[in-house]
N, C-alpha and C. Protein backbone atom coordinates (compact mmCIF):
# COMPACT_ATOMS: atom_id res chain seq x y z
N MET A 1 11.84 28.61 18.92
CA MET A 1 10.56 27.90 19.02
C MET A 1 10.70 26.45 18.57
N ARG A 2 11.47 26.22 17.49
CA ARG A 2 11.61 24.87 16.96
C ARG A 2 12.37 23.97 17.94
N GLU A 3 13.38 24.53 18.61
CA GLU A 3 14.09 23.75 19.61
C GLU A 3 13.19 23.42 20.79
N HIS A 4 12.31 24.37 21.14
CA HIS A 4 11.34 24.14 22.21
C HIS A 4 10.42 22.98 21.84
N LEU A 5 9.98 22.95 20.58
CA LEU A 5 9.13 21.86 20.12
C LEU A 5 9.86 20.52 20.21
N ARG A 6 11.12 20.53 19.81
CA ARG A 6 11.92 19.31 19.84
C ARG A 6 11.97 18.73 21.25
N GLU A 7 12.32 19.56 22.21
CA GLU A 7 12.47 19.09 23.58
C GLU A 7 11.14 18.67 24.19
N GLN A 8 10.08 19.42 23.89
CA GLN A 8 8.77 19.10 24.44
C GLN A 8 8.28 17.76 23.91
N TYR A 9 8.47 17.53 22.62
CA TYR A 9 8.03 16.27 22.03
C TYR A 9 8.83 15.10 22.57
N ARG A 10 10.14 15.26 22.69
CA ARG A 10 10.98 14.18 23.22
C ARG A 10 10.57 13.84 24.65
N ARG A 11 10.32 14.87 25.46
CA ARG A 11 9.96 14.66 26.86
C ARG A 11 8.63 13.93 26.97
N ARG A 12 7.68 14.31 26.12
CA ARG A 12 6.32 13.78 26.25
C ARG A 12 6.16 12.40 25.63
N PHE A 13 6.81 12.17 24.49
CA PHE A 13 6.53 10.96 23.72
C PHE A 13 7.72 10.03 23.51
N GLY A 14 8.91 10.46 23.88
CA GLY A 14 10.09 9.68 23.56
C GLY A 14 10.09 8.29 24.14
N SER A 15 9.58 8.13 25.35
CA SER A 15 9.66 6.83 26.02
C SER A 15 8.66 5.81 25.49
N ASP A 16 7.59 6.28 24.84
CA ASP A 16 6.58 5.32 24.36
C ASP A 16 6.38 5.40 22.86
N ASP A 17 7.42 5.82 22.14
CA ASP A 17 7.30 5.98 20.68
C ASP A 17 6.93 4.68 20.00
N GLU A 18 7.55 3.58 20.38
CA GLU A 18 7.25 2.30 19.75
C GLU A 18 5.81 1.88 20.00
N ASP A 19 5.32 2.11 21.21
CA ASP A 19 3.92 1.80 21.51
C ASP A 19 2.98 2.62 20.64
N ARG A 20 3.28 3.90 20.47
CA ARG A 20 2.43 4.77 19.67
C ARG A 20 2.42 4.33 18.21
N ARG A 21 3.58 3.93 17.71
CA ARG A 21 3.63 3.45 16.33
C ARG A 21 2.77 2.20 16.15
N ALA A 22 2.82 1.31 17.11
CA ALA A 22 2.03 0.09 17.03
C ALA A 22 0.54 0.40 17.08
N VAL A 23 0.14 1.33 17.94
CA VAL A 23 -1.27 1.71 18.04
C VAL A 23 -1.74 2.35 16.74
N TRP A 24 -0.93 3.24 16.18
CA TRP A 24 -1.34 3.91 14.95
C TRP A 24 -1.38 2.96 13.75
N ALA A 25 -0.56 1.95 13.74
CA ALA A 25 -0.65 0.95 12.67
C ALA A 25 -2.02 0.30 12.67
N VAL A 26 -2.54 0.02 13.86
CA VAL A 26 -3.88 -0.58 13.97
C VAL A 26 -4.95 0.43 13.62
N LEU A 27 -4.83 1.66 14.12
CA LEU A 27 -5.83 2.69 13.85
C LEU A 27 -5.98 2.96 12.35
N VAL A 28 -4.85 3.06 11.67
CA VAL A 28 -4.90 3.30 10.22
C VAL A 28 -5.53 2.13 9.50
N ASP A 29 -5.13 0.93 9.86
CA ASP A 29 -5.65 -0.26 9.18
C ASP A 29 -7.13 -0.49 9.48
N ALA A 30 -7.51 -0.32 10.74
CA ALA A 30 -8.87 -0.69 11.16
C ALA A 30 -9.88 0.43 10.99
N TRP A 31 -9.43 1.68 10.92
CA TRP A 31 -10.40 2.78 10.83
C TRP A 31 -10.09 3.80 9.74
N PHE A 32 -8.94 4.43 9.81
CA PHE A 32 -8.68 5.56 8.92
C PHE A 32 -8.46 5.14 7.47
N SER A 33 -8.24 3.87 7.23
CA SER A 33 -8.08 3.39 5.85
C SER A 33 -9.32 3.65 5.00
N ARG A 34 -10.47 3.77 5.63
CA ARG A 34 -11.71 4.04 4.88
C ARG A 34 -11.65 5.38 4.16
N TYR A 35 -10.90 6.33 4.71
CA TYR A 35 -10.76 7.64 4.07
C TYR A 35 -9.64 7.67 3.04
N LEU A 36 -8.83 6.62 3.01
CA LEU A 36 -7.67 6.57 2.13
C LEU A 36 -7.93 5.85 0.82
N ARG A 37 -9.08 5.21 0.70
CA ARG A 37 -9.36 4.43 -0.51
C ARG A 37 -9.34 5.32 -1.75
N GLY A 38 -8.49 4.96 -2.70
CA GLY A 38 -8.40 5.70 -3.94
C GLY A 38 -7.58 6.97 -3.85
N ALA A 39 -7.01 7.26 -2.69
CA ALA A 39 -6.23 8.49 -2.52
C ALA A 39 -4.86 8.36 -3.17
N ASP A 40 -4.51 9.33 -3.97
CA ASP A 40 -3.20 9.35 -4.62
C ASP A 40 -2.21 10.18 -3.80
N THR A 41 -2.68 11.30 -3.24
CA THR A 41 -1.82 12.19 -2.47
C THR A 41 -2.46 12.48 -1.12
N VAL A 42 -1.71 12.23 -0.05
CA VAL A 42 -2.20 12.42 1.32
C VAL A 42 -1.25 13.35 2.05
N LEU A 43 -1.80 14.33 2.76
CA LEU A 43 -0.98 15.27 3.53
C LEU A 43 -1.32 15.16 5.01
N ASP A 44 -0.31 14.98 5.84
CA ASP A 44 -0.46 14.90 7.29
C ASP A 44 -0.10 16.27 7.88
N LEU A 45 -1.10 16.97 8.36
CA LEU A 45 -0.93 18.32 8.89
C LEU A 45 -0.58 18.24 10.38
N GLY A 46 0.63 18.72 10.74
CA GLY A 46 1.10 18.56 12.11
C GLY A 46 1.50 17.12 12.35
N CYS A 47 2.40 16.61 11.50
CA CYS A 47 2.69 15.18 11.45
C CYS A 47 3.43 14.64 12.66
N GLY A 48 4.08 15.52 13.44
CA GLY A 48 4.85 15.03 14.57
C GLY A 48 5.93 14.06 14.12
N TRP A 49 5.94 12.88 14.72
CA TRP A 49 6.93 11.86 14.37
C TRP A 49 6.39 10.86 13.35
N GLY A 50 5.34 11.23 12.65
CA GLY A 50 4.88 10.43 11.53
C GLY A 50 4.07 9.21 11.88
N HIS A 51 3.44 9.20 13.05
CA HIS A 51 2.71 8.00 13.48
C HIS A 51 1.55 7.66 12.54
N PHE A 52 0.96 8.66 11.90
CA PHE A 52 -0.09 8.39 10.91
C PHE A 52 0.50 8.17 9.52
N ILE A 53 1.22 9.16 9.01
CA ILE A 53 1.62 9.14 7.60
C ILE A 53 2.56 7.99 7.27
N ASN A 54 3.35 7.52 8.22
CA ASN A 54 4.25 6.40 7.95
C ASN A 54 3.50 5.10 7.67
N HIS A 55 2.23 5.03 8.09
CA HIS A 55 1.44 3.82 7.88
C HIS A 55 0.46 3.95 6.71
N VAL A 56 0.56 5.05 5.98
CA VAL A 56 -0.35 5.29 4.86
C VAL A 56 0.23 4.65 3.59
N ASP A 57 -0.63 3.96 2.86
CA ASP A 57 -0.24 3.37 1.58
C ASP A 57 -0.83 4.23 0.47
N ALA A 58 -0.05 5.19 -0.01
CA ALA A 58 -0.47 6.08 -1.08
C ALA A 58 0.76 6.44 -1.91
N PRO A 59 0.59 6.69 -3.21
CA PRO A 59 1.75 7.01 -4.06
C PRO A 59 2.51 8.24 -3.62
N HIS A 60 1.79 9.25 -3.12
CA HIS A 60 2.43 10.50 -2.73
C HIS A 60 2.02 10.85 -1.30
N ARG A 61 3.01 10.95 -0.43
CA ARG A 61 2.75 11.26 0.98
C ARG A 61 3.48 12.54 1.35
N LEU A 62 2.74 13.49 1.89
CA LEU A 62 3.27 14.79 2.29
C LEU A 62 3.05 14.98 3.78
N ALA A 63 3.92 15.75 4.41
CA ALA A 63 3.78 16.04 5.83
C ALA A 63 4.23 17.46 6.10
N LEU A 64 3.59 18.09 7.09
CA LEU A 64 3.93 19.47 7.45
C LEU A 64 4.05 19.56 8.96
N ASP A 65 5.18 20.12 9.43
CA ASP A 65 5.39 20.28 10.87
C ASP A 65 6.57 21.22 11.10
N LEU A 66 6.57 21.91 12.24
CA LEU A 66 7.68 22.77 12.62
C LEU A 66 8.76 22.02 13.39
N ASN A 67 8.46 20.83 13.89
CA ASN A 67 9.38 20.10 14.74
C ASN A 67 10.62 19.68 13.94
N PRO A 68 11.80 20.13 14.31
CA PRO A 68 13.01 19.76 13.56
C PRO A 68 13.35 18.28 13.66
N ASP A 69 12.74 17.56 14.59
CA ASP A 69 12.98 16.12 14.72
C ASP A 69 12.14 15.29 13.74
N ALA A 70 11.17 15.91 13.11
CA ALA A 70 10.22 15.15 12.30
C ALA A 70 10.91 14.33 11.21
N ARG A 71 11.85 14.95 10.51
CA ARG A 71 12.50 14.27 9.38
C ARG A 71 13.13 12.95 9.80
N ALA A 72 13.72 12.91 10.99
CA ALA A 72 14.42 11.71 11.44
C ALA A 72 13.46 10.56 11.72
N HIS A 73 12.18 10.86 11.91
CA HIS A 73 11.21 9.82 12.26
C HIS A 73 10.29 9.44 11.08
N LEU A 74 10.32 10.22 10.02
CA LEU A 74 9.45 9.95 8.89
C LEU A 74 10.07 8.93 7.94
N ASP A 75 9.21 8.16 7.29
CA ASP A 75 9.65 7.29 6.21
C ASP A 75 10.36 8.16 5.15
N PRO A 76 11.48 7.70 4.60
CA PRO A 76 12.22 8.52 3.62
C PRO A 76 11.38 8.96 2.42
N ALA A 77 10.33 8.22 2.08
CA ALA A 77 9.52 8.56 0.92
C ALA A 77 8.52 9.68 1.20
N VAL A 78 8.38 10.08 2.47
CA VAL A 78 7.46 11.16 2.82
C VAL A 78 8.15 12.50 2.59
N GLU A 79 7.48 13.40 1.85
CA GLU A 79 8.01 14.74 1.61
C GLU A 79 7.57 15.65 2.75
N LEU A 80 8.55 16.25 3.44
CA LEU A 80 8.26 17.06 4.61
C LEU A 80 8.42 18.54 4.30
N PHE A 81 7.44 19.33 4.77
CA PHE A 81 7.53 20.78 4.72
C PHE A 81 7.67 21.28 6.16
N VAL A 82 8.81 21.89 6.46
CA VAL A 82 9.05 22.40 7.81
C VAL A 82 8.65 23.87 7.83
N GLN A 83 7.45 24.14 8.32
CA GLN A 83 6.92 25.50 8.30
C GLN A 83 5.70 25.61 9.19
N GLU A 84 5.24 26.83 9.40
CA GLU A 84 4.01 27.06 10.15
C GLU A 84 2.81 26.68 9.30
N ALA A 85 1.83 26.08 9.92
CA ALA A 85 0.65 25.61 9.19
C ALA A 85 -0.20 26.76 8.66
N SER A 86 -0.12 27.93 9.31
CA SER A 86 -0.94 29.06 8.91
C SER A 86 -0.36 29.85 7.75
N GLN A 87 0.88 29.51 7.36
CA GLN A 87 1.51 30.17 6.22
C GLN A 87 1.21 29.37 4.94
N PRO A 88 1.29 29.99 3.76
CA PRO A 88 0.99 29.26 2.52
C PRO A 88 1.82 27.99 2.38
N TRP A 89 1.15 26.90 2.03
CA TRP A 89 1.82 25.63 1.86
C TRP A 89 2.41 25.53 0.45
N PRO A 90 3.58 24.94 0.29
CA PRO A 90 4.17 24.77 -1.04
C PRO A 90 3.57 23.57 -1.78
N VAL A 91 2.25 23.61 -1.92
CA VAL A 91 1.49 22.52 -2.52
C VAL A 91 0.54 23.12 -3.55
N ASP A 92 0.44 22.49 -4.72
CA ASP A 92 -0.40 23.02 -5.79
C ASP A 92 -1.88 22.98 -5.42
N ASP A 93 -2.63 23.93 -5.97
CA ASP A 93 -4.08 23.94 -5.79
C ASP A 93 -4.68 22.63 -6.29
N GLY A 94 -5.63 22.07 -5.54
CA GLY A 94 -6.39 20.91 -5.98
C GLY A 94 -5.57 19.67 -6.24
N SER A 95 -4.44 19.52 -5.54
CA SER A 95 -3.55 18.38 -5.84
C SER A 95 -3.57 17.29 -4.77
N VAL A 96 -4.33 17.49 -3.69
CA VAL A 96 -4.32 16.56 -2.56
C VAL A 96 -5.69 15.89 -2.42
N ASP A 97 -5.68 14.60 -2.14
CA ASP A 97 -6.93 13.86 -1.98
C ASP A 97 -7.42 13.85 -0.54
N LEU A 98 -6.48 13.83 0.40
CA LEU A 98 -6.85 13.76 1.82
C LEU A 98 -5.87 14.56 2.65
N VAL A 99 -6.41 15.41 3.52
CA VAL A 99 -5.62 16.07 4.57
C VAL A 99 -6.04 15.44 5.89
N PHE A 100 -5.08 14.98 6.65
CA PHE A 100 -5.34 14.38 7.96
C PHE A 100 -4.64 15.20 9.02
N THR A 101 -5.31 15.42 10.15
CA THR A 101 -4.66 16.11 11.25
C THR A 101 -5.14 15.54 12.57
N SER A 102 -4.21 15.24 13.45
CA SER A 102 -4.54 14.64 14.73
C SER A 102 -3.84 15.38 15.86
N ASN A 103 -4.63 15.84 16.84
CA ASN A 103 -4.09 16.48 18.03
C ASN A 103 -3.09 17.58 17.67
N PHE A 104 -3.51 18.43 16.74
CA PHE A 104 -2.63 19.49 16.26
C PHE A 104 -3.27 20.88 16.31
N LEU A 105 -4.51 21.01 15.88
CA LEU A 105 -5.10 22.34 15.74
C LEU A 105 -5.15 23.10 17.06
N GLU A 106 -5.34 22.37 18.16
CA GLU A 106 -5.41 23.03 19.47
C GLU A 106 -4.07 23.63 19.89
N HIS A 107 -2.99 23.27 19.20
CA HIS A 107 -1.66 23.81 19.51
C HIS A 107 -1.36 25.10 18.75
N LEU A 108 -2.19 25.45 17.79
CA LEU A 108 -1.94 26.68 17.04
C LEU A 108 -2.23 27.89 17.92
N PRO A 109 -1.58 29.02 17.64
CA PRO A 109 -1.62 30.15 18.59
C PRO A 109 -2.95 30.90 18.67
N SER A 110 -3.83 30.72 17.69
CA SER A 110 -5.07 31.50 17.70
C SER A 110 -6.10 30.86 16.77
N ARG A 111 -7.34 31.30 16.90
CA ARG A 111 -8.39 30.86 15.98
C ARG A 111 -8.09 31.33 14.56
N GLU A 112 -7.47 32.49 14.44
CA GLU A 112 -7.10 32.99 13.12
C GLU A 112 -6.09 32.06 12.45
N ALA A 113 -5.16 31.52 13.23
CA ALA A 113 -4.18 30.58 12.67
C ALA A 113 -4.85 29.29 12.24
N ILE A 114 -5.82 28.82 13.02
CA ILE A 114 -6.57 27.62 12.64
C ILE A 114 -7.32 27.86 11.35
N THR A 115 -7.98 29.01 11.24
CA THR A 115 -8.73 29.35 10.03
C THR A 115 -7.81 29.40 8.82
N ALA A 116 -6.62 29.98 8.98
CA ALA A 116 -5.66 30.05 7.88
C ALA A 116 -5.21 28.67 7.45
N ALA A 117 -4.94 27.78 8.42
CA ALA A 117 -4.52 26.42 8.09
C ALA A 117 -5.62 25.66 7.37
N LEU A 118 -6.86 25.82 7.84
CA LEU A 118 -7.98 25.15 7.17
C LEU A 118 -8.18 25.71 5.77
N GLY A 119 -7.93 27.00 5.61
CA GLY A 119 -8.03 27.60 4.27
C GLY A 119 -7.00 27.03 3.31
N GLU A 120 -5.79 26.79 3.80
CA GLU A 120 -4.77 26.16 2.96
C GLU A 120 -5.16 24.73 2.61
N ALA A 121 -5.75 24.02 3.56
CA ALA A 121 -6.21 22.66 3.27
C ALA A 121 -7.27 22.68 2.18
N LEU A 122 -8.21 23.62 2.28
CA LEU A 122 -9.27 23.72 1.26
C LEU A 122 -8.67 24.01 -0.11
N ARG A 123 -7.73 24.92 -0.17
CA ARG A 123 -7.10 25.28 -1.44
C ARG A 123 -6.39 24.07 -2.06
N CYS A 124 -5.69 23.31 -1.27
CA CYS A 124 -4.86 22.23 -1.78
C CYS A 124 -5.66 20.97 -2.14
N LEU A 125 -6.82 20.79 -1.52
CA LEU A 125 -7.62 19.61 -1.80
C LEU A 125 -8.30 19.70 -3.17
N ARG A 126 -8.41 18.56 -3.80
CA ARG A 126 -9.20 18.50 -5.03
C ARG A 126 -10.67 18.60 -4.67
N PRO A 127 -11.54 18.98 -5.61
CA PRO A 127 -12.98 18.95 -5.34
C PRO A 127 -13.42 17.55 -4.92
N GLY A 128 -14.13 17.46 -3.81
CA GLY A 128 -14.52 16.18 -3.27
C GLY A 128 -13.51 15.59 -2.30
N GLY A 129 -12.31 16.18 -2.22
CA GLY A 129 -11.30 15.71 -1.28
C GLY A 129 -11.72 15.99 0.16
N ARG A 130 -11.14 15.25 1.09
CA ARG A 130 -11.57 15.33 2.48
C ARG A 130 -10.47 15.83 3.40
N ILE A 131 -10.93 16.40 4.51
CA ILE A 131 -10.06 16.67 5.65
C ILE A 131 -10.61 15.89 6.84
N VAL A 132 -9.75 15.13 7.49
CA VAL A 132 -10.12 14.32 8.66
C VAL A 132 -9.41 14.90 9.87
N CYS A 133 -10.19 15.31 10.87
CA CYS A 133 -9.64 15.99 12.05
C CYS A 133 -9.94 15.20 13.31
N LEU A 134 -8.91 14.93 14.07
CA LEU A 134 -9.02 14.24 15.35
C LEU A 134 -8.38 15.13 16.41
N GLY A 135 -9.04 15.26 17.57
CA GLY A 135 -8.44 16.08 18.61
C GLY A 135 -9.22 16.04 19.90
N PRO A 136 -8.63 16.53 20.99
CA PRO A 136 -9.29 16.50 22.29
C PRO A 136 -10.49 17.44 22.33
N ASN A 137 -11.60 16.92 22.82
CA ASN A 137 -12.84 17.68 22.92
C ASN A 137 -12.91 18.27 24.33
N ILE A 138 -12.80 19.58 24.44
CA ILE A 138 -12.72 20.18 25.77
C ILE A 138 -13.99 19.96 26.57
N ARG A 139 -15.12 19.78 25.90
CA ARG A 139 -16.36 19.51 26.62
C ARG A 139 -16.28 18.16 27.34
N CYS A 140 -15.59 17.19 26.73
CA CYS A 140 -15.48 15.85 27.31
C CYS A 140 -14.29 15.71 28.25
N VAL A 141 -13.22 16.45 27.97
CA VAL A 141 -11.99 16.33 28.75
C VAL A 141 -12.03 17.21 30.00
N GLY A 142 -12.67 18.36 29.89
CA GLY A 142 -12.72 19.28 31.02
C GLY A 142 -11.37 19.91 31.30
N GLY A 143 -11.08 20.13 32.58
CA GLY A 143 -9.86 20.81 32.97
C GLY A 143 -8.58 20.09 32.58
N ALA A 144 -8.65 18.78 32.36
CA ALA A 144 -7.45 18.03 31.96
C ALA A 144 -6.91 18.49 30.61
N TYR A 145 -7.75 19.19 29.85
CA TYR A 145 -7.31 19.75 28.57
C TYR A 145 -6.06 20.60 28.75
N TRP A 146 -6.00 21.31 29.88
CA TRP A 146 -4.92 22.26 30.11
C TRP A 146 -3.72 21.62 30.80
N ASP A 147 -3.72 20.30 30.98
CA ASP A 147 -2.56 19.62 31.54
C ASP A 147 -1.37 19.64 30.59
N PHE A 148 -1.65 19.93 29.32
CA PHE A 148 -0.60 20.02 28.31
C PHE A 148 -0.31 21.50 28.05
N PHE A 149 0.92 21.91 28.34
CA PHE A 149 1.29 23.33 28.33
C PHE A 149 1.07 23.98 26.97
N ASP A 150 1.16 23.19 25.89
CA ASP A 150 1.03 23.77 24.56
C ASP A 150 -0.37 23.69 23.98
N HIS A 151 -1.38 23.34 24.79
CA HIS A 151 -2.77 23.46 24.36
C HIS A 151 -3.18 24.92 24.48
N LEU A 152 -3.53 25.54 23.38
CA LEU A 152 -3.79 26.98 23.37
C LEU A 152 -5.22 27.35 23.02
N VAL A 153 -5.82 26.61 22.09
CA VAL A 153 -7.19 26.94 21.63
C VAL A 153 -8.13 25.80 22.00
N PRO A 154 -9.11 26.04 22.87
CA PRO A 154 -10.07 24.99 23.22
C PRO A 154 -11.03 24.73 22.07
N LEU A 155 -11.25 23.46 21.76
CA LEU A 155 -12.11 23.07 20.64
C LEU A 155 -13.08 21.99 21.07
N THR A 156 -14.25 22.00 20.44
CA THR A 156 -15.20 20.91 20.53
C THR A 156 -15.50 20.45 19.11
N GLU A 157 -16.23 19.36 19.00
CA GLU A 157 -16.61 18.89 17.66
C GLU A 157 -17.47 19.92 16.94
N ARG A 158 -18.29 20.65 17.70
CA ARG A 158 -19.18 21.64 17.09
C ARG A 158 -18.41 22.87 16.62
N SER A 159 -17.50 23.34 17.45
CA SER A 159 -16.75 24.54 17.06
C SER A 159 -15.86 24.25 15.85
N LEU A 160 -15.27 23.05 15.80
CA LEU A 160 -14.43 22.73 14.65
C LEU A 160 -15.27 22.54 13.40
N ALA A 161 -16.44 21.90 13.53
CA ALA A 161 -17.32 21.75 12.37
C ALA A 161 -17.73 23.13 11.85
N GLU A 162 -18.01 24.04 12.75
CA GLU A 162 -18.37 25.40 12.33
C GLU A 162 -17.20 26.07 11.62
N ALA A 163 -15.98 25.90 12.16
CA ALA A 163 -14.81 26.48 11.51
C ALA A 163 -14.62 25.93 10.10
N LEU A 164 -14.83 24.62 9.93
CA LEU A 164 -14.72 24.02 8.60
C LEU A 164 -15.75 24.60 7.65
N GLU A 165 -16.97 24.72 8.11
CA GLU A 165 -18.05 25.23 7.25
C GLU A 165 -17.83 26.69 6.88
N VAL A 166 -17.37 27.49 7.84
CA VAL A 166 -17.09 28.90 7.55
C VAL A 166 -15.96 29.01 6.53
N THR A 167 -15.00 28.10 6.59
CA THR A 167 -13.88 28.11 5.65
C THR A 167 -14.31 27.71 4.24
N GLY A 168 -15.38 26.93 4.14
CA GLY A 168 -15.86 26.51 2.82
C GLY A 168 -16.05 25.03 2.66
N PHE A 169 -15.79 24.26 3.71
CA PHE A 169 -15.98 22.81 3.66
C PHE A 169 -17.46 22.46 3.88
N ARG A 170 -17.81 21.26 3.46
CA ARG A 170 -19.10 20.65 3.79
C ARG A 170 -18.82 19.54 4.80
N THR A 171 -19.39 19.61 5.97
CA THR A 171 -19.13 18.58 6.98
C THR A 171 -19.86 17.29 6.62
N GLU A 172 -19.15 16.18 6.73
CA GLU A 172 -19.70 14.87 6.41
C GLU A 172 -19.91 14.01 7.66
N GLU A 173 -19.09 14.21 8.67
CA GLU A 173 -19.13 13.37 9.85
C GLU A 173 -18.69 14.19 11.06
N VAL A 174 -19.49 14.18 12.12
CA VAL A 174 -19.17 14.92 13.33
C VAL A 174 -19.44 14.01 14.52
N VAL A 175 -18.38 13.55 15.17
CA VAL A 175 -18.48 12.63 16.30
C VAL A 175 -17.87 13.30 17.52
N ALA A 176 -18.64 13.49 18.57
CA ALA A 176 -18.15 14.17 19.76
C ALA A 176 -17.16 13.32 20.54
N ARG A 177 -17.44 12.02 20.64
CA ARG A 177 -16.60 11.11 21.42
C ARG A 177 -16.13 9.96 20.52
N PHE A 178 -14.84 9.92 20.30
CA PHE A 178 -14.28 8.89 19.43
C PHE A 178 -13.20 8.10 20.18
N LEU A 179 -11.99 8.58 20.22
CA LEU A 179 -10.91 7.88 20.91
C LEU A 179 -10.71 8.44 22.33
N PRO A 180 -10.09 7.65 23.22
CA PRO A 180 -9.72 8.18 24.54
C PRO A 180 -8.78 9.38 24.41
N PHE A 181 -8.62 10.13 25.49
CA PHE A 181 -7.93 11.42 25.47
C PHE A 181 -6.45 11.31 25.13
N THR A 182 -5.72 10.45 25.84
CA THR A 182 -4.27 10.43 25.65
C THR A 182 -3.68 9.07 26.03
N MET A 183 -2.53 8.78 25.40
CA MET A 183 -1.75 7.59 25.74
C MET A 183 -0.60 7.91 26.68
N VAL A 184 -0.33 9.19 26.90
CA VAL A 184 0.84 9.60 27.67
C VAL A 184 0.81 8.96 29.06
N GLY A 185 1.88 8.24 29.38
CA GLY A 185 2.00 7.62 30.69
C GLY A 185 1.20 6.36 30.87
N ARG A 186 0.64 5.82 29.78
CA ARG A 186 -0.18 4.61 29.88
C ARG A 186 0.35 3.55 28.93
N PRO A 187 0.23 2.28 29.30
CA PRO A 187 0.67 1.22 28.38
C PRO A 187 -0.26 1.13 27.18
N ALA A 188 0.30 0.75 26.05
CA ALA A 188 -0.50 0.62 24.83
C ALA A 188 -1.43 -0.58 24.93
N PRO A 189 -2.69 -0.44 24.55
CA PRO A 189 -3.59 -1.59 24.54
C PRO A 189 -3.22 -2.54 23.41
N PRO A 190 -3.51 -3.82 23.55
CA PRO A 190 -3.21 -4.77 22.47
C PRO A 190 -4.07 -4.48 21.24
N ALA A 191 -3.58 -4.91 20.10
CA ALA A 191 -4.26 -4.63 18.83
C ALA A 191 -5.70 -5.15 18.83
N VAL A 192 -5.92 -6.33 19.40
CA VAL A 192 -7.26 -6.89 19.39
C VAL A 192 -8.23 -6.02 20.19
N ALA A 193 -7.74 -5.39 21.27
CA ALA A 193 -8.60 -4.51 22.06
C ALA A 193 -8.92 -3.23 21.30
N ILE A 194 -7.96 -2.69 20.55
CA ILE A 194 -8.20 -1.49 19.76
C ILE A 194 -9.24 -1.77 18.69
N ARG A 195 -9.10 -2.88 18.00
CA ARG A 195 -10.06 -3.22 16.94
C ARG A 195 -11.45 -3.43 17.51
N ALA A 196 -11.54 -4.08 18.67
CA ALA A 196 -12.84 -4.30 19.30
C ALA A 196 -13.47 -2.98 19.71
N TYR A 197 -12.66 -2.07 20.24
CA TYR A 197 -13.16 -0.76 20.64
C TYR A 197 -13.72 0.01 19.43
N LEU A 198 -13.01 0.00 18.33
CA LEU A 198 -13.45 0.73 17.15
C LEU A 198 -14.76 0.18 16.58
N ARG A 199 -15.02 -1.11 16.78
CA ARG A 199 -16.26 -1.72 16.29
C ARG A 199 -17.43 -1.48 17.24
N CYS A 200 -17.16 -1.06 18.47
CA CYS A 200 -18.21 -0.96 19.49
C CYS A 200 -18.48 0.51 19.81
N ARG A 201 -19.39 1.11 19.07
CA ARG A 201 -19.67 2.54 19.26
C ARG A 201 -20.19 2.89 20.65
N PRO A 202 -20.94 2.03 21.32
CA PRO A 202 -21.32 2.37 22.71
C PRO A 202 -20.11 2.61 23.61
N ALA A 203 -19.00 1.92 23.32
CA ALA A 203 -17.79 2.13 24.12
C ALA A 203 -17.22 3.53 23.90
N TRP A 204 -17.45 4.08 22.71
CA TRP A 204 -16.98 5.44 22.45
C TRP A 204 -17.61 6.42 23.43
N ARG A 205 -18.90 6.22 23.69
CA ARG A 205 -19.62 7.14 24.57
C ARG A 205 -19.11 7.05 26.00
N LEU A 206 -18.54 5.90 26.37
CA LEU A 206 -18.00 5.72 27.71
C LEU A 206 -16.58 6.26 27.84
N PHE A 207 -15.74 5.97 26.84
CA PHE A 207 -14.31 6.26 26.97
C PHE A 207 -13.81 7.35 26.03
N GLY A 208 -14.58 7.68 25.01
CA GLY A 208 -14.13 8.66 24.03
C GLY A 208 -14.03 10.06 24.60
N ARG A 209 -12.90 10.71 24.38
CA ARG A 209 -12.71 12.09 24.80
C ARG A 209 -12.19 12.96 23.65
N GLN A 210 -11.93 12.31 22.51
CA GLN A 210 -11.47 13.05 21.34
C GLN A 210 -12.57 13.05 20.28
N PHE A 211 -12.73 14.19 19.62
CA PHE A 211 -13.71 14.28 18.54
C PHE A 211 -13.13 13.73 17.23
N LEU A 212 -14.01 13.39 16.32
CA LEU A 212 -13.67 13.06 14.94
C LEU A 212 -14.57 13.89 14.05
N VAL A 213 -13.98 14.75 13.25
CA VAL A 213 -14.74 15.62 12.36
C VAL A 213 -14.17 15.48 10.95
N VAL A 214 -15.04 15.18 10.00
CA VAL A 214 -14.63 14.99 8.61
C VAL A 214 -15.35 16.01 7.74
N GLY A 215 -14.60 16.73 6.94
CA GLY A 215 -15.17 17.70 6.01
C GLY A 215 -14.75 17.38 4.59
N ALA A 216 -15.54 17.83 3.63
CA ALA A 216 -15.22 17.61 2.21
C ALA A 216 -15.24 18.93 1.46
N LYS A 217 -14.37 19.04 0.49
CA LYS A 217 -14.36 20.22 -0.37
C LYS A 217 -15.47 20.08 -1.41
N PRO A 218 -16.37 21.03 -1.50
CA PRO A 218 -17.48 20.92 -2.46
C PRO A 218 -16.96 20.86 -3.90
N GLY A 219 -17.81 20.29 -4.76
CA GLY A 219 -17.49 20.26 -6.17
C GLY A 219 -17.38 18.86 -6.70
């Protein structure tokens, strides 16, 4: 399975890795940094090649992924756990300030696996800590959702918010349309265009196909 992940990721993202890194540098700086303020420990769930966590400025950075290529792409200071997300994480209870996950939960094999991963996130987060979830919204994407062979569980912003609440989170932010669906096969937009898009919420309603859901651990 891990070799399959390696080849699939290289085939899909290898040619535009530099573009993706540039886009994520802007996304973290212009948007996701708001969730990072004061964070001491950040965990990237389903980190892939580290496009998010490599741009995070925090004393302790953790990442979890099954892809055997992940280590080669992560900043050396990032601690990587190579394991399934639904299995217990080697992270202390209440020791993480932020869990971030992007375009990952839909790849898990079942709703039960998603619930288990969210349960581990809840356990590891400190009281008041957040989970930030980004992913394709099947209601907005439609049949194109299934163009990716490893998309297994269809999700919307509402179903994920419900899953978070059932797990024990308090939802803070639920956005149905946030970022466009995919960069695969498309040139990266310039940084100024990304920043302008993030400031213009009406544009989200036109082009957004990915949800943004933020939950917090009570307490």
